[in-house]
Amino acid sequence: MTGDEIQEPAFRDQTQYVAPSSLRKRWKRSIGLAHGKTQADLFAETAYEGKSAFSRAKDYLKIQVFQWVGHYLRSRFGPKWPFADYRAYGDDNGIYNLAASTGDPDPDEPVQIALAGDWGSGTEAAFDVGQSVNLGFPHFTIHLGDIYYVGTKKEVQENMLGGRVQWPLGNRGSFALNANHEMYSQGKGYFTHLLPALGFQGDHGQRASFFCLKNEHWLVIGLDTGYYSVGIPILEMIFRPSSKLHSKLMEWLQKDVRLQDDQQRGVILLSHHQYYSQFESGYDRPAQQLAQLLQRPALWFWGHEHRFALYGKNASGKAGLQIYGRNLGHGGLPIEDIADRPRQGQKYQNGLVLYDKRERCRIGALGIPVGFNGYANLTFAGKQLAVEYRDTEQPLVTEKWEVGPGGVLKGIAIDQLIDDDDLVLHKGASLGDAIA
């Protein structure tokens, strides 16, 4: 199959969506829900019980700072939950087959991954994104992290596992990355409640906060930048932690994934925190660590900043690791940052190409403008990858990539699908710069 033959995903009526049986059993063991129910069923039950069906988007606005602080102070103090790895599991090293089916799949058969970041809010916008993801019937779904407010067990259940909204499940597996909001409650809700409900197709859950999906042509590596994104309570808000990768994760990359020895596959990195940004400060310590093992450019999808943005190939800080950056932090929270302008000084230039500042509506008593929520679909077919960036109503941008000799990524094509001046090309940039 050639790149031109990458097929569009088969869409379906999401109201009939029921999670794969192995995941339904796992969810039932984990949180006791009736897992034959659809998103529509859960919504109807919640509304019928006289509750607010969704978390109110206006409660997450920045002006509600004291509400955020209250959640933080009630949950922040205490020891971190122990960092989990795969060494205790002889049958599971965290590396899974990136394929659309079990057995001996055709390496050219398309396999789809849906990515969304900062989704775990319980808002109606998160619900709408989940609905849209389900319509594509992805093989895998991956959350790039952040469950609000602070990732407690209750918030995990309400904002990820069906209490208010249900994270859309892939029919081959679903994974979730760790992030700073999960660690504000020491990671307990994330490690003990969320991970057992997710994972690769089968009976056990996601056993660690990092993983790899692998086939003949591609490595998709999920990283934990959340565990060290917190430090001393309160002071961590002033003296920002490094978000470095845990030594156990680095050992796994070296000894199990053998990233330093793989010179044939295209590399896709996933994390919560951004390597670089033209709007905020980046976190380049994980990239410095990865540069010890990876010497070729990669695609890196991250969340954390609540916006959609595309960057061209860029290396930042001390890392020297060349990365095509993709910011997908617009999965569920109200997108207040649409008025932000990219930083202009030369030292802040990080290859920004395109960002979304479209206004979707205004919320709250002050009528605060918020932008569009969305996500990305990645479709792998042999050596080629098609990426579709969407909001809940339409696709915005598509791009195609190919793995060349030595595992080097080659951008083939990129197209903007809507004509809107607020889907902004950064000054001096052309859309093709995002894949050059």
Protein backbone atom coordinates (compact mmCIF):
# COMPACT_ATOMS: atom_id res chain seq x y z
CA MET A 1 0.00 0.00 0.00
CA THR A 2 1.30 3.47 -0.87
CA GLY A 3 0.80 6.65 1.12
CA ASP A 4 -1.88 7.84 -1.29
CA GLU A 5 -3.90 4.78 -0.36
CA ILE A 6 -4.11 5.49 3.38
CA GLN A 7 -7.77 5.02 4.10
CA GLU A 8 -10.07 7.29 6.04
CA PRO A 9 -11.31 5.71 9.28
CA ALA A 10 -14.67 3.98 9.18
CA PHE A 11 -17.12 6.17 11.08
CA ARG A 12 -20.02 4.85 13.13
CA ASP A 13 -22.88 5.90 15.35
CA GLN A 14 -21.10 6.60 18.64
CA THR A 15 -24.29 6.24 20.69
CA GLN A 16 -24.03 2.52 20.00
CA TYR A 17 -20.41 2.41 21.15
CA VAL A 18 -19.61 -0.24 23.75
CA ALA A 19 -16.06 -0.78 24.98
CA PRO A 20 -14.25 -4.00 23.99
CA SER A 21 -15.21 -6.86 26.31
CA SER A 22 -11.77 -7.22 27.92
CA LEU A 23 -11.76 -3.53 28.84
CA ARG A 24 -15.36 -3.61 30.07
CA LYS A 25 -14.45 -6.46 32.45
CA ARG A 26 -11.42 -4.54 33.67
CA TRP A 27 -13.45 -1.37 34.24
CA LYS A 28 -16.04 -3.34 36.17
CA ARG A 29 -13.38 -4.77 38.45
CA SER A 30 -11.81 -1.35 38.90
CA ILE A 31 -14.78 0.90 39.60
CA GLY A 32 -17.92 -1.20 39.51
CA LEU A 33 -19.71 0.58 36.68
CA ALA A 34 -22.20 -1.13 34.37
CA HIS A 35 -20.00 -1.17 31.32
CA GLY A 36 -22.51 -2.07 28.67
CA LYS A 37 -23.64 1.55 28.86
CA THR A 38 -22.95 4.17 26.25
CA GLN A 39 -21.90 7.77 26.79
CA ALA A 40 -25.52 8.75 26.13
CA ASP A 41 -26.73 6.33 28.83
CA LEU A 42 -24.29 7.74 31.37
CA PHE A 43 -25.30 11.28 30.52
CA ALA A 44 -29.01 10.50 30.81
CA GLU A 45 -28.56 8.76 34.18
CA THR A 46 -26.51 11.60 35.62
CA ALA A 47 -29.00 14.20 34.46
CA TYR A 48 -31.92 12.09 35.71
CA GLU A 49 -30.40 11.94 39.18
CA GLY A 50 -30.72 15.70 39.36
CA LYS A 51 -26.99 16.42 39.17
CA SER A 52 -25.19 18.67 36.77
CA ALA A 53 -24.37 16.28 33.97
CA PHE A 54 -21.02 17.98 33.29
CA SER A 55 -18.51 19.99 35.22
CA ARG A 56 -19.14 23.66 34.53
CA ALA A 57 -16.56 25.04 32.13
CA LYS A 58 -16.65 28.42 33.87
CA ASP A 59 -15.40 26.78 37.09
CA TYR A 60 -12.09 26.12 35.33
CA LEU A 61 -11.51 29.70 34.22
CA LYS A 62 -8.37 31.40 35.50
CA ILE A 63 -10.43 33.90 37.47
CA GLN A 64 -11.50 30.98 39.70
CA VAL A 65 -7.98 30.83 41.13
CA PHE A 66 -9.14 30.37 44.73
CA GLN A 67 -11.15 27.31 43.74
CA TRP A 68 -8.02 25.82 42.15
CA VAL A 69 -5.93 26.68 45.20
CA GLY A 70 -8.47 25.06 47.54
CA HIS A 71 -8.31 21.74 45.67
CA TYR A 72 -4.51 21.95 45.58
CA LEU A 73 -4.07 22.61 49.31
CA ARG A 74 -6.50 19.87 50.33
CA SER A 75 -4.66 17.22 48.32
CA ARG A 76 -1.06 18.25 47.78
CA PHE A 77 0.65 17.16 51.01
CA GLY A 78 1.98 13.63 51.47
CA PRO A 79 4.49 11.23 49.91
CA LYS A 80 4.46 10.43 46.20
CA TRP A 81 2.98 7.14 45.11
CA PRO A 82 5.87 4.77 44.20
CA PHE A 83 6.95 4.93 40.58
CA ALA A 84 5.78 1.79 38.76
CA ASP A 85 7.79 -0.05 36.11
CA TYR A 86 7.65 -3.41 34.32
CA ARG A 87 10.38 -5.32 36.15
CA ALA A 88 7.88 -7.24 38.29
CA TYR A 89 6.04 -8.59 35.24
CA GLY A 90 7.76 -11.34 33.32
CA ASP A 91 5.00 -11.38 30.71
CA ASP A 92 4.90 -7.63 30.08
CA ASN A 93 7.73 -5.25 29.25
CA GLY A 94 5.50 -2.38 28.17
CA ILE A 95 6.18 -2.87 24.43
CA TYR A 96 3.07 -3.73 22.42
CA ASN A 97 2.24 -4.44 18.81
CA LEU A 98 1.15 -1.39 16.84
CA ALA A 99 -1.37 -3.25 14.71
CA ALA A 100 -5.06 -3.21 13.87
CA SER A 101 -5.55 -6.87 14.74
CA THR A 102 -4.05 -9.74 16.69
CA GLY A 103 -2.04 -12.65 15.36
CA ASP A 104 0.19 -11.97 12.35
CA PRO A 105 -1.24 -8.71 10.98
CA ASP A 106 -0.49 -7.24 7.59
CA PRO A 107 2.20 -4.59 8.24
CA ASP A 108 0.53 -2.30 5.68
CA GLU A 109 -2.94 -2.56 7.25
CA PRO A 110 -3.90 0.92 8.55
CA VAL A 111 -3.90 1.33 12.33
CA GLN A 112 -5.30 4.44 13.98
CA ILE A 113 -4.41 6.20 17.24
CA ALA A 114 -6.45 9.09 18.66
CA LEU A 115 -4.58 11.58 20.89
CA ALA A 116 -6.04 14.21 23.21
CA GLY A 117 -4.42 16.23 25.97
CA ASP A 118 -5.79 17.92 29.10
CA TRP A 119 -9.11 16.14 28.55
CA GLY A 120 -9.88 14.99 32.10
CA SER A 121 -12.18 17.84 33.10
CA GLY A 122 -15.70 16.39 32.97
CA THR A 123 -16.89 19.34 30.87
CA GLU A 124 -19.36 19.23 28.01
CA ALA A 125 -16.46 20.12 25.70
CA ALA A 126 -14.60 17.00 26.89
CA PHE A 127 -17.74 14.96 26.27
CA ASP A 128 -17.98 16.35 22.73
CA VAL A 129 -14.34 15.52 22.02
CA GLY A 130 -14.90 11.99 23.34
CA GLN A 131 -17.93 11.62 21.09
CA SER A 132 -15.95 12.74 18.06
CA VAL A 133 -13.06 10.37 18.87
CA ASN A 134 -15.49 7.47 19.15
CA LEU A 135 -16.90 8.20 15.70
CA GLY A 136 -13.54 7.30 14.19
CA PHE A 137 -13.43 3.88 15.92
CA PRO A 138 -9.69 4.15 16.72
CA HIS A 139 -7.61 1.07 17.46
CA PHE A 140 -5.82 2.92 20.28
CA THR A 141 -6.60 6.03 22.31
CA ILE A 142 -4.00 7.88 24.38
CA HIS A 143 -4.57 10.66 26.89
CA LEU A 144 -1.62 13.05 27.11
CA GLY A 145 -2.35 13.80 30.74
CA ASP A 146 -4.02 16.19 33.22
CA ILE A 147 -7.07 15.15 35.21
CA TYR A 148 -8.63 18.08 37.04
CA TYR A 149 -8.45 19.47 39.49
CA VAL A 150 -5.79 17.32 41.15
CA GLY A 151 -6.33 13.74 39.93
CA THR A 152 -7.91 12.27 43.07
CA LYS A 153 -9.64 8.90 42.84
CA LYS A 154 -13.02 10.66 42.74
CA GLU A 155 -11.88 12.98 39.96
CA VAL A 156 -10.42 10.09 37.98
CA GLN A 157 -13.76 8.32 38.17
CA GLU A 158 -15.83 11.40 37.36
CA ASN A 159 -13.63 12.90 34.67
CA MET A 160 -12.13 9.82 32.99
CA LEU A 161 -14.01 6.65 33.84
CA GLY A 162 -17.66 7.44 33.30
CA GLY A 163 -18.88 9.29 36.38
CA ARG A 164 -19.44 12.40 34.26
CA VAL A 165 -17.61 11.57 31.05
CA GLN A 166 -15.99 8.39 29.80
CA TRP A 167 -12.58 8.38 28.13
CA PRO A 168 -13.10 6.85 24.66
CA LEU A 169 -11.58 3.38 24.45
CA GLY A 170 -9.71 1.96 21.48
CA ASN A 171 -10.63 -1.55 20.40
CA ARG A 172 -6.97 -2.61 20.76
CA GLY A 173 -6.08 -0.61 23.83
CA SER A 174 -6.09 2.70 25.66
CA PHE A 175 -3.34 4.43 27.61
CA ALA A 176 -2.93 7.53 29.77
CA LEU A 177 0.20 9.55 30.50
CA ASN A 178 1.05 11.04 33.87
CA ALA A 179 1.01 14.82 34.35
CA ASN A 180 1.36 17.53 36.97
CA HIS A 181 -2.32 17.62 37.95
CA GLU A 182 -2.32 13.87 38.64
CA MET A 183 0.74 14.37 40.84
CA TYR A 184 -0.85 17.17 42.87
CA SER A 185 -2.56 14.33 44.76
CA GLN A 186 0.73 12.35 44.83
CA GLY A 187 -0.27 10.23 41.82
CA LYS A 188 -2.37 7.84 43.88
CA GLY A 189 -5.56 8.20 41.84
CA TYR A 190 -3.61 7.86 38.60
CA PHE A 191 -1.53 4.82 39.54
CA THR A 192 -4.11 2.89 41.57
CA HIS A 193 -7.42 3.78 39.93
CA LEU A 194 -6.90 4.91 36.33
CA LEU A 195 -4.11 2.66 35.10
CA PRO A 196 -5.81 -0.63 36.12
CA ALA A 197 -8.80 0.40 33.97
CA LEU A 198 -6.73 0.96 30.80
CA GLY A 199 -3.90 -0.79 28.96
CA PHE A 200 -3.31 -3.05 25.98
CA GLN A 201 -6.00 -5.48 24.90
CA GLY A 202 -6.12 -8.27 27.49
CA ASP A 203 -6.90 -8.86 31.13
CA HIS A 204 -4.33 -6.70 32.91
CA GLY A 205 -4.33 -2.90 33.03
CA GLN A 206 -1.72 -0.35 32.10
CA ARG A 207 1.09 -1.32 34.44
CA ALA A 208 3.29 1.76 34.25
CA SER A 209 3.13 5.40 33.25
CA PHE A 210 5.22 4.77 30.12
CA PHE A 211 4.85 2.37 27.18
CA CYS A 212 5.77 1.72 23.56
CA LEU A 213 3.68 0.74 20.53
CA LYS A 214 5.93 -0.81 17.91
CA ASN A 215 5.78 -2.35 14.45
CA GLU A 216 8.15 -2.88 11.55
CA HIS A 217 8.31 0.81 10.67
CA TRP A 218 7.32 2.85 13.73
CA LEU A 219 7.99 3.40 17.43
CA VAL A 220 5.35 5.31 19.40
CA ILE A 221 6.78 6.00 22.86
CA GLY A 222 4.73 7.32 25.77
CA LEU A 223 6.83 9.18 28.37
CA ASP A 224 6.16 10.21 31.97
CA THR A 225 7.15 13.86 32.42
CA GLY A 226 4.64 14.21 35.27
CA TYR A 227 6.31 12.30 38.08
CA TYR A 228 9.01 14.92 38.60
CA SER A 229 6.80 17.88 37.64
CA VAL A 230 6.07 18.49 41.33
CA GLY A 231 8.47 19.32 44.12
CA ILE A 232 8.05 20.98 47.51
CA PRO A 233 4.38 21.94 47.89
CA ILE A 234 3.65 25.62 47.21
CA LEU A 235 7.33 26.36 46.44
CA GLU A 236 6.94 24.26 43.27
CA MET A 237 4.72 27.02 41.90
CA ILE A 238 7.65 29.45 42.13
CA PHE A 239 10.67 27.20 41.53
CA ARG A 240 9.52 25.02 38.67
CA PRO A 241 10.61 21.35 38.81
CA SER A 242 12.45 19.87 35.83
CA SER A 243 9.92 17.20 34.76
CA LYS A 244 12.89 14.91 34.13
CA LEU A 245 12.37 11.28 33.11
CA HIS A 246 12.69 8.73 35.92
CA SER A 247 15.85 6.59 35.90
CA LYS A 248 13.70 3.45 35.56
CA LEU A 249 12.11 4.86 32.43
CA MET A 250 15.51 5.71 30.97
CA GLU A 251 16.75 2.21 31.74
CA TRP A 252 13.69 0.75 29.99
CA LEU A 253 14.32 2.89 26.90
CA GLN A 254 17.90 1.68 26.77
CA LYS A 255 17.52 -2.01 27.67
CA ASP A 256 14.02 -2.93 26.49
CA VAL A 257 13.09 -0.53 23.72
CA ARG A 258 16.79 -0.26 22.75
CA LEU A 259 16.14 3.16 21.30
CA GLN A 260 19.83 3.86 20.80
CA ASP A 261 20.19 0.77 18.56
CA ASP A 262 17.07 1.24 16.43
CA GLN A 263 18.12 2.90 13.19
CA GLN A 264 15.20 1.84 10.99
CA ARG A 265 11.96 3.07 12.58
CA GLY A 266 10.34 6.47 12.62
CA VAL A 267 10.02 7.77 16.18
CA ILE A 268 6.88 9.36 17.65
CA LEU A 269 7.20 10.74 21.20
CA LEU A 270 4.27 11.47 23.50
CA SER A 271 4.34 13.37 26.79
CA HIS A 272 2.35 15.82 28.83
CA HIS A 273 4.91 18.61 29.09
CA GLN A 274 6.25 20.58 26.15
CA TYR A 275 9.87 20.37 25.09
CA TYR A 276 9.66 23.96 23.83
CA SER A 277 7.08 26.66 23.20
CA GLN A 278 6.82 30.13 21.75
CA PHE A 279 4.12 31.06 24.28
CA GLU A 280 5.52 29.72 27.57
CA SER A 281 8.75 28.27 28.93
CA GLY A 282 9.62 24.75 27.87
CA TYR A 283 10.90 21.71 29.76
CA ASP A 284 14.07 20.63 28.02
CA ARG A 285 15.45 18.25 30.67
CA PRO A 286 13.59 15.20 29.21
CA ALA A 287 14.92 16.10 25.76
CA GLN A 288 18.46 16.27 27.14
CA GLN A 289 18.02 12.74 28.48
CA LEU A 290 16.52 11.45 25.24
CA ALA A 291 19.34 12.98 23.20
CA GLN A 292 21.65 10.39 24.79
CA LEU A 293 19.70 7.69 22.93
CA LEU A 294 18.16 9.39 19.89
CA GLN A 295 20.18 11.22 17.26
CA ARG A 296 17.58 11.82 14.54
CA PRO A 297 14.53 14.11 14.34
CA ALA A 298 11.23 12.84 15.72
CA LEU A 299 7.62 13.94 15.95
CA TRP A 300 6.68 14.89 19.52
CA PHE A 301 3.06 15.39 20.62
CA TRP A 302 2.46 17.08 23.97
CA GLY A 303 -0.24 18.84 25.99
CA HIS A 304 0.03 21.10 29.09
CA GLU A 305 -0.48 24.39 27.23
CA HIS A 306 -4.19 24.69 26.48
CA ARG A 307 -3.93 25.35 22.78
CA PHE A 308 -3.45 23.75 19.36
CA ALA A 309 -0.16 24.67 17.68
CA LEU A 310 2.28 23.24 15.12
CA TYR A 311 6.04 23.80 15.13
CA GLY A 312 8.69 23.10 12.52
CA LYS A 313 11.83 21.11 13.21
CA ASN A 314 13.55 22.77 16.14
CA ALA A 315 16.12 22.08 18.85
CA SER A 316 15.89 24.03 22.09
CA GLY A 317 18.01 24.71 25.14
CA LYS A 318 20.86 22.38 26.00
CA ALA A 319 19.24 19.28 24.52
CA GLY A 320 20.10 19.71 20.85
CA LEU A 321 17.39 17.17 19.99
CA GLN A 322 15.62 18.14 16.76
CA ILE A 323 11.86 17.78 17.11
CA TYR A 324 8.75 18.58 15.10
CA GLY A 325 6.55 19.82 17.97
CA ARG A 326 2.78 19.34 18.11
CA ASN A 327 0.82 21.00 20.95
CA LEU A 328 -2.48 19.21 21.71
CA GLY A 329 -3.42 20.61 25.11
CA HIS A 330 -6.94 21.61 24.04
CA GLY A 331 -8.88 18.43 24.79
CA GLY A 332 -11.34 19.44 27.49
CA LEU A 333 -10.74 22.66 29.42
CA PRO A 334 -12.07 26.05 28.27
CA ILE A 335 -9.41 27.40 25.92
CA GLU A 336 -8.81 30.84 27.39
CA ASP A 337 -5.41 31.41 25.81
CA ILE A 338 -6.66 32.36 22.33
CA ALA A 339 -5.73 36.00 22.98
CA ASP A 340 -2.11 35.11 23.81
CA ARG A 341 0.47 36.28 21.31
CA PRO A 342 3.67 34.39 20.56
CA ARG A 343 6.73 35.81 22.27
CA GLN A 344 8.70 37.96 19.86
CA GLY A 345 12.30 38.17 21.07
CA GLN A 346 14.92 36.22 19.15
CA LYS A 347 15.68 34.00 22.14
CA TYR A 348 12.03 32.87 22.19
CA GLN A 349 11.89 31.73 18.56
CA ASN A 350 11.15 28.01 18.50
CA GLY A 351 9.90 27.41 14.99
CA LEU A 352 6.21 28.20 15.53
CA VAL A 353 4.27 27.70 12.29
CA LEU A 354 0.54 27.70 13.04
CA TYR A 355 -1.73 28.22 16.06
CA ASP A 356 -5.47 28.37 16.63
CA LYS A 357 -7.00 31.51 18.11
CA ARG A 358 -10.55 31.02 16.78
CA GLU A 359 -13.27 31.98 19.24
CA ARG A 360 -15.91 29.32 19.86
CA CYS A 361 -18.09 31.14 22.39
CA ARG A 362 -18.05 33.29 25.54
CA ILE A 363 -18.68 31.91 29.01
CA GLY A 364 -19.11 33.07 32.59
CA ALA A 365 -20.52 36.30 33.97
CA LEU A 366 -17.73 38.29 32.30
CA GLY A 367 -18.28 36.70 28.89
CA ILE A 368 -14.73 35.39 28.62
CA PRO A 369 -13.92 34.25 25.05
CA VAL A 370 -12.82 30.62 24.70
CA GLY A 371 -11.52 28.69 21.74
CA PHE A 372 -12.20 25.33 20.15
CA ASN A 373 -11.35 22.01 21.79
CA GLY A 374 -9.95 19.20 19.70
CA TYR A 375 -7.62 16.25 19.20
CA ALA A 376 -5.57 14.40 16.57
CA ASN A 377 -5.96 11.14 14.64
CA LEU A 378 -2.79 9.33 13.57
CA THR A 379 -3.18 6.65 10.88
CA PHE A 380 -0.17 4.40 10.22
CA ALA A 381 0.02 2.35 7.01
CA GLY A 382 3.35 0.70 6.30
CA LYS A 383 6.07 3.34 6.18
CA GLN A 384 3.57 6.17 5.98
CA LEU A 385 1.73 8.20 8.59
CA ALA A 386 -1.25 10.50 8.07
CA VAL A 387 -2.13 12.96 10.85
CA GLU A 388 -5.47 14.73 11.03
CA TYR A 389 -5.93 17.63 13.47
CA ARG A 390 -9.60 18.21 14.31
CA ASP A 391 -11.99 20.14 16.43
CA THR A 392 -15.31 18.49 17.26
CA GLU A 393 -16.93 19.81 14.10
CA GLN A 394 -14.38 19.42 11.33
CA PRO A 395 -10.79 18.60 10.36
CA LEU A 396 -8.46 21.60 10.38
CA VAL A 397 -5.10 20.41 9.07
CA THR A 398 -3.80 17.14 7.61
CA GLU A 399 -0.20 16.09 7.12
CA LYS A 400 1.59 13.04 5.73
CA TRP A 401 4.95 11.57 6.67
CA GLU A 402 7.15 8.73 5.51
CA VAL A 403 9.97 6.81 7.17
CA GLY A 404 13.12 6.96 5.07
CA PRO A 405 16.50 5.20 5.35
CA GLY A 406 17.94 5.27 8.85
CA GLY A 407 14.50 5.92 10.35
CA VAL A 408 14.58 9.55 9.20
CA LEU A 409 11.17 11.21 8.92
CA LYS A 410 10.27 12.87 5.64
CA GLY A 411 7.31 15.24 5.39
CA ILE A 412 5.31 14.51 2.24
CA ALA A 413 2.38 16.91 2.34
CA ILE A 414 0.46 19.27 4.62
CA ASP A 415 -2.87 20.98 3.95
CA GLN A 416 -5.02 23.49 5.80
CA LEU A 417 -8.64 22.48 5.31
CA ILE A 418 -10.52 25.53 6.56
CA ASP A 419 -10.19 29.14 5.48
CA ASP A 420 -10.14 31.14 8.71
CA ASP A 421 -7.80 34.02 9.50
CA ASP A 422 -7.80 33.00 13.17
CA LEU A 423 -6.12 29.71 12.34
CA VAL A 424 -2.97 31.74 12.24
CA LEU A 425 0.23 31.25 10.31
CA HIS A 426 2.97 32.79 12.45
CA LYS A 427 4.67 35.82 10.96
CA GLY A 428 7.13 34.79 8.27
CA ALA A 429 6.15 31.10 8.34
CA SER A 430 4.63 28.98 5.61
CA LEU A 431 2.56 25.89 6.34
CA GLY A 432 5.17 23.68 4.73
CA ASP A 433 7.67 24.70 7.41
CA ALA A 434 5.82 22.35 9.82
CA ILE A 435 7.09 19.29 7.93
CA ALA A 436 10.31 20.61 6.34
